[in-house]
Amino acid sequence: MSLAFVKVFIAAVVISFGSWLSGKRPELAGFIVALPIATLVVLVFSHLEWENSANTIRFAKSIMIGIPFSLLFFIPFLLADKLSISFWGCYGLGLLLLIVGYFAHKAVMTVV
């Protein structure tokens, strides 16, 4: 049970720090949040918790394949000015694109 609290604490610190830094140095915060910090942490926690190297490696492959699909979320934000889309419009469209990305990821993972 204490491992769960450690995981929650680390995740909260990373998210809180990124959010706080975004108000002071948005470019640096964006770069730091884009780093695979969560991946580094979650891979170690997963391996320690389940002690299954094969699953952890498959998990890492899934993350790598999922990254390009997860970037679909940002496409509406890139086009916001050209298409006059509000923040919430971008956010909603991004979520819809993530759903598409999920199914594409799922299809790719069946052959990897």
PDB file of N, CA and C in Angstrom:
ATOM      1  N   MET A   1       0.816  -1.198   0.000  1.00  0.00           N
ATOM      2  CA  MET A   1       0.000   0.000   0.000  1.00  0.00           C
ATOM      3  C   MET A   1       0.857   1.258   0.000  1.00  0.00           C
ATOM      4  N   SER A   2       2.003   1.221   0.652  1.00  0.00           N
ATOM      5  CA  SER A   2       2.850   2.407   0.698  1.00  0.00           C
ATOM      6  C   SER A   2       3.449   2.721  -0.674  1.00  0.00           C
ATOM      7  N   LEU A   3       3.656   1.698  -1.519  1.00  0.00           N
ATOM      8  CA  LEU A   3       4.155   1.942  -2.866  1.00  0.00           C
ATOM      9  C   LEU A   3       3.161   2.778  -3.660  1.00  0.00           C
ATOM     10  N   ALA A   4       1.888   2.546  -3.446  1.00  0.00           N
ATOM     11  CA  ALA A   4       0.851   3.323  -4.127  1.00  0.00           C
ATOM     12  C   ALA A   4       0.949   4.794  -3.734  1.00  0.00           C
ATOM     13  N   PHE A   5       1.187   5.075  -2.467  1.00  0.00           N
ATOM     14  CA  PHE A   5       1.316   6.458  -2.015  1.00  0.00           C
ATOM     15  C   PHE A   5       2.562   7.119  -2.598  1.00  0.00           C
ATOM     16  N   VAL A   6       3.649   6.378  -2.693  1.00  0.00           N
ATOM     17  CA  VAL A   6       4.881   6.904  -3.287  1.00  0.00           C
ATOM     18  C   VAL A   6       4.633   7.264  -4.744  1.00  0.00           C
ATOM     19  N   LYS A   7       3.938   6.388  -5.470  1.00  0.00           N
ATOM     20  CA  LYS A   7       3.642   6.643  -6.878  1.00  0.00           C
ATOM     21  C   LYS A   7       2.771   7.884  -7.038  1.00  0.00           C
ATOM     22  N   VAL A   8       1.757   7.998  -6.209  1.00  0.00           N
ATOM     23  CA  VAL A   8       0.871   9.158  -6.281  1.00  0.00           C
ATOM     24  C   VAL A   8       1.639  10.436  -5.948  1.00  0.00           C
ATOM     25  N   PHE A   9       2.487  10.380  -4.942  1.00  0.00           N
ATOM     26  CA  PHE A   9       3.265  11.560  -4.542  1.00  0.00           C
ATOM     27  C   PHE A   9       4.193  12.010  -5.673  1.00  0.00           C
ATOM     28  N   ILE A  10       4.912  11.076  -6.271  1.00  0.00           N
ATOM     29  CA  ILE A  10       5.837  11.431  -7.360  1.00  0.00           C
ATOM     30  C   ILE A  10       5.072  12.011  -8.542  1.00  0.00           C
ATOM     31  N   ALA A  11       3.965  11.398  -8.916  1.00  0.00           N
ATOM     32  CA  ALA A  11       3.162  11.906 -10.022  1.00  0.00           C
ATOM     33  C   ALA A  11       2.642  13.309  -9.714  1.00  0.00           C
ATOM     34  N   ALA A  12       2.185  13.509  -8.490  1.00  0.00           N
ATOM     35  CA  ALA A  12       1.667  14.822  -8.095  1.00  0.00           C
ATOM     36  C   ALA A  12       2.751  15.885  -8.142  1.00  0.00           C
ATOM     37  N   VAL A  13       3.940  15.538  -7.697  1.00  0.00           N
ATOM     38  CA  VAL A  13       5.049  16.504  -7.710  1.00  0.00           C
ATOM     39  C   VAL A  13       5.407  16.884  -9.147  1.00  0.00           C
ATOM     40  N   VAL A  14       5.505  15.896 -10.036  1.00  0.00           N
ATOM     41  CA  VAL A  14       5.862  16.173 -11.430  1.00  0.00           C
ATOM     42  C   VAL A  14       4.804  17.056 -12.083  1.00  0.00           C
ATOM     43  N   ILE A  15       3.537  16.722 -11.911  1.00  0.00           N
ATOM     44  CA  ILE A  15       2.456  17.500 -12.513  1.00  0.00           C
ATOM     45  C   ILE A  15       2.393  18.900 -11.918  1.00  0.00           C
ATOM     46  N   SER A  16       2.493  18.987 -10.604  1.00  0.00           N
ATOM     47  CA  SER A  16       2.437  20.294  -9.938  1.00  0.00           C
ATOM     48  C   SER A  16       3.600  21.182 -10.354  1.00  0.00           C
ATOM     49  N   PHE A  17       4.778  20.601 -10.445  1.00  0.00           N
ATOM     50  CA  PHE A  17       5.941  21.385 -10.845  1.00  0.00           C
ATOM     51  C   PHE A  17       5.781  21.898 -12.270  1.00  0.00           C
ATOM     52  N   GLY A  18       5.332  21.048 -13.179  1.00  0.00           N
ATOM     53  CA  GLY A  18       5.126  21.463 -14.565  1.00  0.00           C
ATOM     54  C   GLY A  18       4.103  22.571 -14.671  1.00  0.00           C
ATOM     55  N   SER A  19       3.012  22.443 -13.925  1.00  0.00           N
ATOM     56  CA  SER A  19       1.970  23.464 -13.928  1.00  0.00           C
ATOM     57  C   SER A  19       2.487  24.782 -13.362  1.00  0.00           C
ATOM     58  N   TRP A  20       3.195  24.720 -12.253  1.00  0.00           N
ATOM     59  CA  TRP A  20       3.750  25.929 -11.635  1.00  0.00           C
ATOM     60  C   TRP A  20       4.745  26.602 -12.575  1.00  0.00           C
ATOM     61  N   LEU A  21       5.640  25.822 -13.159  1.00  0.00           N
ATOM     62  CA  LEU A  21       6.670  26.377 -14.032  1.00  0.00           C
ATOM     63  C   LEU A  21       6.068  26.981 -15.298  1.00  0.00           C
ATOM     64  N   SER A  22       4.928  26.467 -15.750  1.00  0.00           N
ATOM     65  CA  SER A  22       4.314  26.976 -16.978  1.00  0.00           C
ATOM     66  C   SER A  22       3.910  28.444 -16.852  1.00  0.00           C
ATOM     67  N   GLY A  23       3.629  28.892 -15.650  1.00  0.00           N
ATOM     68  CA  GLY A  23       3.287  30.294 -15.439  1.00  0.00           C
ATOM     69  C   GLY A  23       4.493  31.211 -15.449  1.00  0.00           C
ATOM     70  N   LYS A  24       5.653  30.675 -15.149  1.00  0.00           N
ATOM     71  CA  LYS A  24       6.871  31.481 -15.068  1.00  0.00           C
ATOM     72  C   LYS A  24       7.741  31.349 -16.311  1.00  0.00           C
ATOM     73  N   ARG A  25       7.907  30.138 -16.798  1.00  0.00           N
ATOM     74  CA  ARG A  25       8.751  29.869 -17.969  1.00  0.00           C
ATOM     75  C   ARG A  25       8.061  28.824 -18.845  1.00  0.00           C
ATOM     76  N   PRO A  26       7.056  29.228 -19.631  1.00  0.00           N
ATOM     77  CA  PRO A  26       6.264  28.257 -20.387  1.00  0.00           C
ATOM     78  C   PRO A  26       7.072  27.405 -21.358  1.00  0.00           C
ATOM     79  N   GLU A  27       8.105  27.977 -21.981  1.00  0.00           N
ATOM     80  CA  GLU A  27       8.911  27.191 -22.917  1.00  0.00           C
ATOM     81  C   GLU A  27       9.672  26.084 -22.191  1.00  0.00           C
ATOM     82  N   LEU A  28      10.275  26.419 -21.055  1.00  0.00           N
ATOM     83  CA  LEU A  28      11.003  25.428 -20.267  1.00  0.00           C
ATOM     84  C   LEU A  28      10.037  24.375 -19.721  1.00  0.00           C
ATOM     85  N   ALA A  29       8.886  24.819 -19.239  1.00  0.00           N
ATOM     86  CA  ALA A  29       7.895  23.873 -18.717  1.00  0.00           C
ATOM     87  C   ALA A  29       7.445  22.911 -19.808  1.00  0.00           C
ATOM     88  N   GLY A  30       7.218  23.427 -21.005  1.00  0.00           N
ATOM     89  CA  GLY A  30       6.816  22.569 -22.118  1.00  0.00           C
ATOM     90  C   GLY A  30       7.862  21.537 -22.442  1.00  0.00           C
ATOM     91  N   PHE A  31       9.110  21.959 -22.430  1.00  0.00           N
ATOM     92  CA  PHE A  31      10.197  21.021 -22.715  1.00  0.00           C
ATOM     93  C   PHE A  31      10.291  19.947 -21.636  1.00  0.00           C
ATOM     94  N   ILE A  32      10.211  20.364 -20.381  1.00  0.00           N
ATOM     95  CA  ILE A  32      10.321  19.408 -19.273  1.00  0.00           C
ATOM     96  C   ILE A  32       9.152  18.426 -19.282  1.00  0.00           C
ATOM     97  N   VAL A  33       7.945  18.936 -19.517  1.00  0.00           N
ATOM     98  CA  VAL A  33       6.779  18.054 -19.538  1.00  0.00           C
ATOM     99  C   VAL A  33       6.851  17.092 -20.723  1.00  0.00           C
ATOM    100  N   ALA A  34       7.476  17.528 -21.816  1.00  0.00           N
ATOM    101  CA  ALA A  34       7.606  16.660 -22.991  1.00  0.00           C
ATOM    102  C   ALA A  34       8.637  15.551 -22.778  1.00  0.00           C
ATOM    103  N   LEU A  35       9.518  15.731 -21.810  1.00  0.00           N
ATOM    104  CA  LEU A  35      10.502  14.682 -21.524  1.00  0.00           C
ATOM    105  C   LEU A  35       9.773  13.421 -21.056  1.00  0.00           C
ATOM    106  N   PRO A  36      10.363  12.294 -21.282  1.00  0.00           N
ATOM    107  CA  PRO A  36       9.682  11.053 -20.865  1.00  0.00           C
ATOM    108  C   PRO A  36       9.850  10.759 -19.376  1.00  0.00           C
ATOM    109  N   ILE A  37       9.680  11.793 -18.542  1.00  0.00           N
ATOM    110  CA  ILE A  37       9.836  11.611 -17.096  1.00  0.00           C
ATOM    111  C   ILE A  37       8.837  10.589 -16.581  1.00  0.00           C
ATOM    112  N   ALA A  38       7.591  10.744 -16.985  1.00  0.00           N
ATOM    113  CA  ALA A  38       6.572   9.802 -16.530  1.00  0.00           C
ATOM    114  C   ALA A  38       6.909   8.391 -17.000  1.00  0.00           C
ATOM    115  N   THR A  39       7.396   8.272 -18.223  1.00  0.00           N
ATOM    116  CA  THR A  39       7.759   6.953 -18.746  1.00  0.00           C
ATOM    117  C   THR A  39       8.899   6.347 -17.943  1.00  0.00           C
ATOM    118  N   LEU A  40       9.904   7.134 -17.646  1.00  0.00           N
ATOM    119  CA  LEU A  40      11.029   6.630 -16.857  1.00  0.00           C
ATOM    120  C   LEU A  40      10.552   6.109 -15.507  1.00  0.00           C
ATOM    121  N   VAL A  41       9.691   6.876 -14.867  1.00  0.00           N
ATOM    122  CA  VAL A  41       9.207   6.507 -13.540  1.00  0.00           C
ATOM    123  C   VAL A  41       8.275   5.298 -13.612  1.00  0.00           C
ATOM    124  N   VAL A  42       7.336   5.330 -14.546  1.00  0.00           N
ATOM    125  CA  VAL A  42       6.338   4.257 -14.602  1.00  0.00           C
ATOM    126  C   VAL A  42       6.951   2.922 -15.027  1.00  0.00           C
ATOM    127  N   LEU A  43       7.963   2.941 -15.871  1.00  0.00           N
ATOM    128  CA  LEU A  43       8.612   1.687 -16.249  1.00  0.00           C
ATOM    129  C   LEU A  43       9.293   1.039 -15.042  1.00  0.00           C
ATOM    130  N   VAL A  44       9.965   1.830 -14.250  1.00  0.00           N
ATOM    131  CA  VAL A  44      10.613   1.293 -13.047  1.00  0.00           C
ATOM    132  C   VAL A  44       9.565   0.767 -12.068  1.00  0.00           C
ATOM    133  N   PHE A  45       8.516   1.568 -11.804  1.00  0.00           N
ATOM    134  CA  PHE A  45       7.466   1.121 -10.878  1.00  0.00           C
ATOM    135  C   PHE A  45       6.796  -0.150 -11.375  1.00  0.00           C
ATOM    136  N   SER A  46       6.495  -0.206 -12.662  1.00  0.00           N
ATOM    137  CA  SER A  46       5.845  -1.383 -13.224  1.00  0.00           C
ATOM    138  C   SER A  46       6.725  -2.621 -13.052  1.00  0.00           C
ATOM    139  N   HIS A  47       7.998  -2.459 -13.372  1.00  0.00           N
ATOM    140  CA  HIS A  47       8.895  -3.614 -13.249  1.00  0.00           C
ATOM    141  C   HIS A  47       9.059  -4.046 -11.793  1.00  0.00           C
ATOM    142  N   LEU A  48       9.187  -3.096 -10.889  1.00  0.00           N
ATOM    143  CA  LEU A  48       9.316  -3.439  -9.471  1.00  0.00           C
ATOM    144  C   LEU A  48       8.051  -4.110  -8.939  1.00  0.00           C
ATOM    145  N   GLU A  49       6.907  -3.626  -9.389  1.00  0.00           N
ATOM    146  CA  GLU A  49       5.641  -4.157  -8.884  1.00  0.00           C
ATOM    147  C   GLU A  49       5.334  -5.549  -9.437  1.00  0.00           C
ATOM    148  N   TRP A  50       5.570  -5.772 -10.719  1.00  0.00           N
ATOM    149  CA  TRP A  50       5.174  -7.032 -11.351  1.00  0.00           C
ATOM    150  C   TRP A  50       6.331  -7.988 -11.592  1.00  0.00           C
ATOM    151  N   GLU A  51       7.558  -7.487 -11.575  1.00  0.00           N
ATOM    152  CA  GLU A  51       8.759  -8.309 -11.776  1.00  0.00           C
ATOM    153  C   GLU A  51       8.638  -9.205 -13.011  1.00  0.00           C
ATOM    154  N   ASN A  52       8.156  -8.607 -14.094  1.00  0.00           N
ATOM    155  CA  ASN A  52       7.952  -9.346 -15.330  1.00  0.00           C
ATOM    156  C   ASN A  52       8.613  -8.566 -16.464  1.00  0.00           C
ATOM    157  N   SER A  53       9.833  -8.961 -16.800  1.00  0.00           N
ATOM    158  CA  SER A  53      10.595  -8.233 -17.817  1.00  0.00           C
ATOM    159  C   SER A  53       9.892  -8.216 -19.166  1.00  0.00           C
ATOM    160  N   ALA A  54       9.292  -9.324 -19.555  1.00  0.00           N
ATOM    161  CA  ALA A  54       8.622  -9.385 -20.856  1.00  0.00           C
ATOM    162  C   ALA A  54       7.474  -8.380 -20.929  1.00  0.00           C
ATOM    163  N   ASN A  55       6.668  -8.312 -19.870  1.00  0.00           N
ATOM    164  CA  ASN A  55       5.567  -7.338 -19.850  1.00  0.00           C
ATOM    165  C   ASN A  55       6.083  -5.909 -19.828  1.00  0.00           C
ATOM    166  N   THR A  56       7.147  -5.657 -19.080  1.00  0.00           N
ATOM    167  CA  THR A  56       7.696  -4.313 -19.007  1.00  0.00           C
ATOM    168  C   THR A  56       8.247  -3.889 -20.362  1.00  0.00           C
ATOM    169  N   ILE A  57       8.889  -4.795 -21.060  1.00  0.00           N
ATOM    170  CA  ILE A  57       9.409  -4.484 -22.400  1.00  0.00           C
ATOM    171  C   ILE A  57       8.255  -4.228 -23.361  1.00  0.00           C
ATOM    172  N   ARG A  58       7.218  -5.038 -23.297  1.00  0.00           N
ATOM    173  CA  ARG A  58       6.036  -4.816 -24.150  1.00  0.00           C
ATOM    174  C   ARG A  58       5.395  -3.480 -23.813  1.00  0.00           C
ATOM    175  N   PHE A  59       5.345  -3.152 -22.545  1.00  0.00           N
ATOM    176  CA  PHE A  59       4.821  -1.874 -22.087  1.00  0.00           C
ATOM    177  C   PHE A  59       5.636  -0.728 -22.696  1.00  0.00           C
ATOM    178  N   ALA A  60       6.960  -0.829 -22.666  1.00  0.00           N
ATOM    179  CA  ALA A  60       7.828   0.202 -23.231  1.00  0.00           C
ATOM    180  C   ALA A  60       7.602   0.330 -24.738  1.00  0.00           C
ATOM    181  N   LYS A  61       7.439  -0.789 -25.424  1.00  0.00           N
ATOM    182  CA  LYS A  61       7.157  -0.741 -26.871  1.00  0.00           C
ATOM    183  C   LYS A  61       5.830  -0.032 -27.127  1.00  0.00           C
ATOM    184  N   SER A  62       4.838  -0.339 -26.307  1.00  0.00           N
ATOM    185  CA  SER A  62       3.526   0.301 -26.460  1.00  0.00           C
ATOM    186  C   SER A  62       3.633   1.809 -26.267  1.00  0.00           C
ATOM    187  N   ILE A  63       4.437   2.226 -25.303  1.00  0.00           N
ATOM    188  CA  ILE A  63       4.632   3.658 -25.068  1.00  0.00           C
ATOM    189  C   ILE A  63       5.284   4.294 -26.291  1.00  0.00           C
ATOM    190  N   MET A  64       6.332   3.665 -26.806  1.00  0.00           N
ATOM    191  CA  MET A  64       7.033   4.237 -27.954  1.00  0.00           C
ATOM    192  C   MET A  64       6.108   4.364 -29.162  1.00  0.00           C
ATOM    193  N   ILE A  65       5.319   3.350 -29.406  1.00  0.00           N
ATOM    194  CA  ILE A  65       4.394   3.390 -30.533  1.00  0.00           C
ATOM    195  C   ILE A  65       3.265   4.386 -30.253  1.00  0.00           C
ATOM    196  N   GLY A  66       2.886   4.533 -29.005  1.00  0.00           N
ATOM    197  CA  GLY A  66       1.800   5.438 -28.644  1.00  0.00           C
ATOM    198  C   GLY A  66       2.162   6.906 -28.714  1.00  0.00           C
ATOM    199  N   ILE A  67       3.431   7.238 -28.587  1.00  0.00           N
ATOM    200  CA  ILE A  67       3.828   8.648 -28.570  1.00  0.00           C
ATOM    201  C   ILE A  67       3.390   9.392 -29.828  1.00  0.00           C
ATOM    202  N   PRO A  68       3.705   8.894 -31.025  1.00  0.00           N
ATOM    203  CA  PRO A  68       3.248   9.649 -32.210  1.00  0.00           C
ATOM    204  C   PRO A  68       1.723   9.792 -32.269  1.00  0.00           C
ATOM    205  N   PHE A  69       1.001   8.748 -31.870  1.00  0.00           N
ATOM    206  CA  PHE A  69      -0.456   8.837 -31.880  1.00  0.00           C
ATOM    207  C   PHE A  69      -0.965   9.832 -30.841  1.00  0.00           C
ATOM    208  N   SER A  70      -0.296   9.925 -29.714  1.00  0.00           N
ATOM    209  CA  SER A  70      -0.728  10.867 -28.683  1.00  0.00           C
ATOM    210  C   SER A  70      -0.519  12.315 -29.124  1.00  0.00           C
ATOM    211  N   LEU A  71       0.403  12.526 -30.036  1.00  0.00           N
ATOM    212  CA  LEU A  71       0.642  13.879 -30.542  1.00  0.00           C
ATOM    213  C   LEU A  71      -0.514  14.399 -31.391  1.00  0.00           C
ATOM    214  N   LEU A  72      -1.402  13.515 -31.807  1.00  0.00           N
ATOM    215  CA  LEU A  72      -2.589  13.944 -32.540  1.00  0.00           C
ATOM    216  C   LEU A  72      -3.392  14.972 -31.747  1.00  0.00           C
ATOM    217  N   PHE A  73      -3.332  14.864 -30.431  1.00  0.00           N
ATOM    218  CA  PHE A  73      -4.053  15.800 -29.562  1.00  0.00           C
ATOM    219  C   PHE A  73      -3.690  17.254 -29.866  1.00  0.00           C
ATOM    220  N   PHE A  74      -2.458  17.509 -30.244  1.00  0.00           N
ATOM    221  CA  PHE A  74      -1.977  18.881 -30.417  1.00  0.00           C
ATOM    222  C   PHE A  74      -2.270  19.473 -31.793  1.00  0.00           C
ATOM    223  N   ILE A  75      -2.703  18.673 -32.742  1.00  0.00           N
ATOM    224  CA  ILE A  75      -2.951  19.178 -34.096  1.00  0.00           C
ATOM    225  C   ILE A  75      -3.948  20.339 -34.108  1.00  0.00           C
ATOM    226  N   PRO A  76      -5.086  20.237 -33.412  1.00  0.00           N
ATOM    227  CA  PRO A  76      -6.001  21.393 -33.423  1.00  0.00           C
ATOM    228  C   PRO A  76      -5.363  22.670 -32.854  1.00  0.00           C
ATOM    229  N   PHE A  77      -4.484  22.524 -31.877  1.00  0.00           N
ATOM    230  CA  PHE A  77      -3.825  23.696 -31.307  1.00  0.00           C
ATOM    231  C   PHE A  77      -2.888  24.345 -32.328  1.00  0.00           C
ATOM    232  N   LEU A  78      -2.247  23.514 -33.137  1.00  0.00           N
ATOM    233  CA  LEU A  78      -1.374  24.051 -34.183  1.00  0.00           C
ATOM    234  C   LEU A  78      -2.169  24.798 -35.247  1.00  0.00           C
ATOM    235  N   LEU A  79      -3.384  24.377 -35.477  1.00  0.00           N
ATOM    236  CA  LEU A  79      -4.221  24.977 -36.512  1.00  0.00           C
ATOM    237  C   LEU A  79      -5.201  26.011 -35.968  1.00  0.00           C
ATOM    238  N   ALA A  80      -5.166  26.283 -34.677  1.00  0.00           N
ATOM    239  CA  ALA A  80      -6.150  27.147 -34.024  1.00  0.00           C
ATOM    240  C   ALA A  80      -6.232  28.530 -34.663  1.00  0.00           C
ATOM    241  N   ASP A  81      -5.100  29.144 -34.916  1.00  0.00           N
ATOM    242  CA  ASP A  81      -5.116  30.497 -35.491  1.00  0.00           C
ATOM    243  C   ASP A  81      -5.675  30.504 -36.907  1.00  0.00           C
ATOM    244  N   LYS A  82      -5.242  29.547 -37.716  1.00  0.00           N
ATOM    245  CA  LYS A  82      -5.711  29.494 -39.105  1.00  0.00           C
ATOM    246  C   LYS A  82      -7.198  29.190 -39.203  1.00  0.00           C
ATOM    247  N   LEU A  83      -7.701  28.348 -38.298  1.00  0.00           N
ATOM    248  CA  LEU A  83      -9.097  27.925 -38.353  1.00  0.00           C
ATOM    249  C   LEU A  83      -9.991  28.652 -37.352  1.00  0.00           C
ATOM    250  N   SER A  84      -9.422  29.597 -36.600  1.00  0.00           N
ATOM    251  CA  SER A  84     -10.150  30.362 -35.577  1.00  0.00           C
ATOM    252  C   SER A  84     -10.885  29.435 -34.598  1.00  0.00           C
ATOM    253  N   ILE A  85     -10.140  28.515 -34.027  1.00  0.00           N
ATOM    254  CA  ILE A  85     -10.711  27.577 -33.062  1.00  0.00           C
ATOM    255  C   ILE A  85     -10.368  28.059 -31.658  1.00  0.00           C
ATOM    256  N   SER A  86     -11.352  28.049 -30.760  1.00  0.00           N
ATOM    257  CA  SER A  86     -11.122  28.446 -29.371  1.00  0.00           C
ATOM    258  C   SER A  86     -10.339  27.356 -28.640  1.00  0.00           C
ATOM    259  N   PHE A  87      -9.921  27.680 -27.425  1.00  0.00           N
ATOM    260  CA  PHE A  87      -9.216  26.688 -26.617  1.00  0.00           C
ATOM    261  C   PHE A  87     -10.056  25.434 -26.443  1.00  0.00           C
ATOM    262  N   TRP A  88     -11.333  25.611 -26.047  1.00  0.00           N
ATOM    263  CA  TRP A  88     -12.179  24.443 -25.786  1.00  0.00           C
ATOM    264  C   TRP A  88     -12.481  23.667 -27.062  1.00  0.00           C
ATOM    265  N   GLY A  89     -12.569  24.364 -28.178  1.00  0.00           N
ATOM    266  CA  GLY A  89     -12.721  23.686 -29.458  1.00  0.00           C
ATOM    267  C   GLY A  89     -11.509  22.837 -29.771  1.00  0.00           C
ATOM    268  N   CYS A  90     -10.316  23.417 -29.558  1.00  0.00           N
ATOM    269  CA  CYS A  90      -9.063  22.668 -29.765  1.00  0.00           C
ATOM    270  C   CYS A  90      -9.005  21.464 -28.842  1.00  0.00           C
ATOM    271  N   TYR A  91      -9.375  21.687 -27.605  1.00  0.00           N
ATOM    272  CA  TYR A  91      -9.308  20.622 -26.610  1.00  0.00           C
ATOM    273  C   TYR A  91     -10.245  19.474 -26.994  1.00  0.00           C
ATOM    274  N   GLY A  92     -11.464  19.807 -27.366  1.00  0.00           N
ATOM    275  CA  GLY A  92     -12.428  18.779 -27.755  1.00  0.00           C
ATOM    276  C   GLY A  92     -11.998  18.020 -29.003  1.00  0.00           C
ATOM    277  N   LEU A  93     -11.545  18.756 -30.021  1.00  0.00           N
ATOM    278  CA  LEU A  93     -11.061  18.101 -31.235  1.00  0.00           C
ATOM    279  C   LEU A  93      -9.844  17.233 -30.933  1.00  0.00           C
ATOM    280  N   GLY A  94      -8.976  17.732 -30.057  1.00  0.00           N
ATOM    281  CA  GLY A  94      -7.804  16.952 -29.663  1.00  0.00           C
ATOM    282  C   GLY A  94      -8.192  15.641 -29.008  1.00  0.00           C
ATOM    283  N   LEU A  95      -9.200  15.689 -28.147  1.00  0.00           N
ATOM    284  CA  LEU A  95      -9.674  14.459 -27.501  1.00  0.00           C
ATOM    285  C   LEU A  95     -10.254  13.481 -28.524  1.00  0.00           C
ATOM    286  N   LEU A  96     -10.989  14.006 -29.501  1.00  0.00           N
ATOM    287  CA  LEU A  96     -11.520  13.139 -30.563  1.00  0.00           C
ATOM    288  C   LEU A  96     -10.384  12.502 -31.353  1.00  0.00           C
ATOM    289  N   LEU A  97      -9.342  13.278 -31.645  1.00  0.00           N
ATOM    290  CA  LEU A  97      -8.197  12.723 -32.365  1.00  0.00           C
ATOM    291  C   LEU A  97      -7.461  11.681 -31.525  1.00  0.00           C
ATOM    292  N   LEU A  98      -7.470  11.861 -30.200  1.00  0.00           N
ATOM    293  CA  LEU A  98      -6.856  10.845 -29.336  1.00  0.00           C
ATOM    294  C   LEU A  98      -7.607   9.521 -29.412  1.00  0.00           C
ATOM    295  N   ILE A  99      -8.909   9.598 -29.552  1.00  0.00           N
ATOM    296  CA  ILE A  99      -9.692   8.363 -29.698  1.00  0.00           C
ATOM    297  C   ILE A  99      -9.290   7.647 -30.984  1.00  0.00           C
ATOM    298  N   VAL A 100      -9.160   8.401 -32.064  1.00  0.00           N
ATOM    299  CA  VAL A 100      -8.685   7.830 -33.333  1.00  0.00           C
ATOM    300  C   VAL A 100      -7.292   7.238 -33.138  1.00  0.00           C
ATOM    301  N   GLY A 101      -6.426   7.990 -32.445  1.00  0.00           N
ATOM    302  CA  GLY A 101      -5.068   7.524 -32.177  1.00  0.00           C
ATOM    303  C   GLY A 101      -5.038   6.238 -31.362  1.00  0.00           C
ATOM    304  N   TYR A 102      -5.962   6.115 -30.412  1.00  0.00           N
ATOM    305  CA  TYR A 102      -6.021   4.897 -29.603  1.00  0.00           C
ATOM    306  C   TYR A 102      -6.273   3.677 -30.479  1.00  0.00           C
ATOM    307  N   PHE A 103      -7.238   3.778 -31.369  1.00  0.00           N
ATOM    308  CA  PHE A 103      -7.557   2.630 -32.222  1.00  0.00           C
ATOM    309  C   PHE A 103      -6.426   2.335 -33.206  1.00  0.00           C
ATOM    310  N   ALA A 104      -5.760   3.371 -33.685  1.00  0.00           N
ATOM    311  CA  ALA A 104      -4.602   3.153 -34.558  1.00  0.00           C
ATOM    312  C   ALA A 104      -3.477   2.470 -33.772  1.00  0.00           C
ATOM    313  N   HIS A 105      -3.244   2.912 -32.544  1.00  0.00           N
ATOM    314  CA  HIS A 105      -2.230   2.310 -31.680  1.00  0.00           C
ATOM    315  C   HIS A 105      -2.548   0.841 -31.424  1.00  0.00           C
ATOM    316  N   LYS A 106      -3.803   0.578 -31.135  1.00  0.00           N
ATOM    317  CA  LYS A 106      -4.246  -0.787 -30.866  1.00  0.00           C
ATOM    318  C   LYS A 106      -3.997  -1.678 -32.081  1.00  0.00           C
ATOM    319  N   ALA A 107      -4.252  -1.159 -33.269  1.00  0.00           N
ATOM    320  CA  ALA A 107      -4.031  -1.929 -34.493  1.00  0.00           C
ATOM    321  C   ALA A 107      -2.538  -2.201 -34.711  1.00  0.00           C
ATOM    322  N   VAL A 108      -1.705  -1.195 -34.488  1.00  0.00           N
ATOM    323  CA  VAL A 108      -0.267  -1.362 -34.677  1.00  0.00           C
ATOM    324  C   VAL A 108       0.289  -2.354 -33.661  1.00  0.00           C
ATOM    325  N   MET A 109      -0.187  -2.291 -32.421  1.00  0.00           N
ATOM    326  CA  MET A 109       0.326  -3.176 -31.369  1.00  0.00           C
ATOM    327  C   MET A 109       0.026  -4.646 -31.635  1.00  0.00           C
ATOM    328  N   THR A 110      -0.995  -4.924 -32.422  1.00  0.00           N
ATOM    329  CA  THR A 110      -1.281  -6.328 -32.727  1.00  0.00           C
ATOM    330  C   THR A 110      -0.248  -6.952 -33.634  1.00  0.00           C
ATOM    331  N   VAL A 111       0.505  -6.124 -34.366  1.00  0.00           N
ATOM    332  CA  VAL A 111       1.519  -6.680 -35.296  1.00  0.00           C
ATOM    333  C   VAL A 111       2.944  -6.513 -34.788  1.00  0.00           C
ATOM    334  N   VAL A 112       3.107  -5.808 -33.681  1.00  0.00           N
ATOM    335  CA  VAL A 112       4.460  -5.583 -33.140  1.00  0.00           C
ATOM    336  C   VAL A 112       4.783  -6.641 -32.100  1.00  0.00           C
TER     337      VAL A 112
END
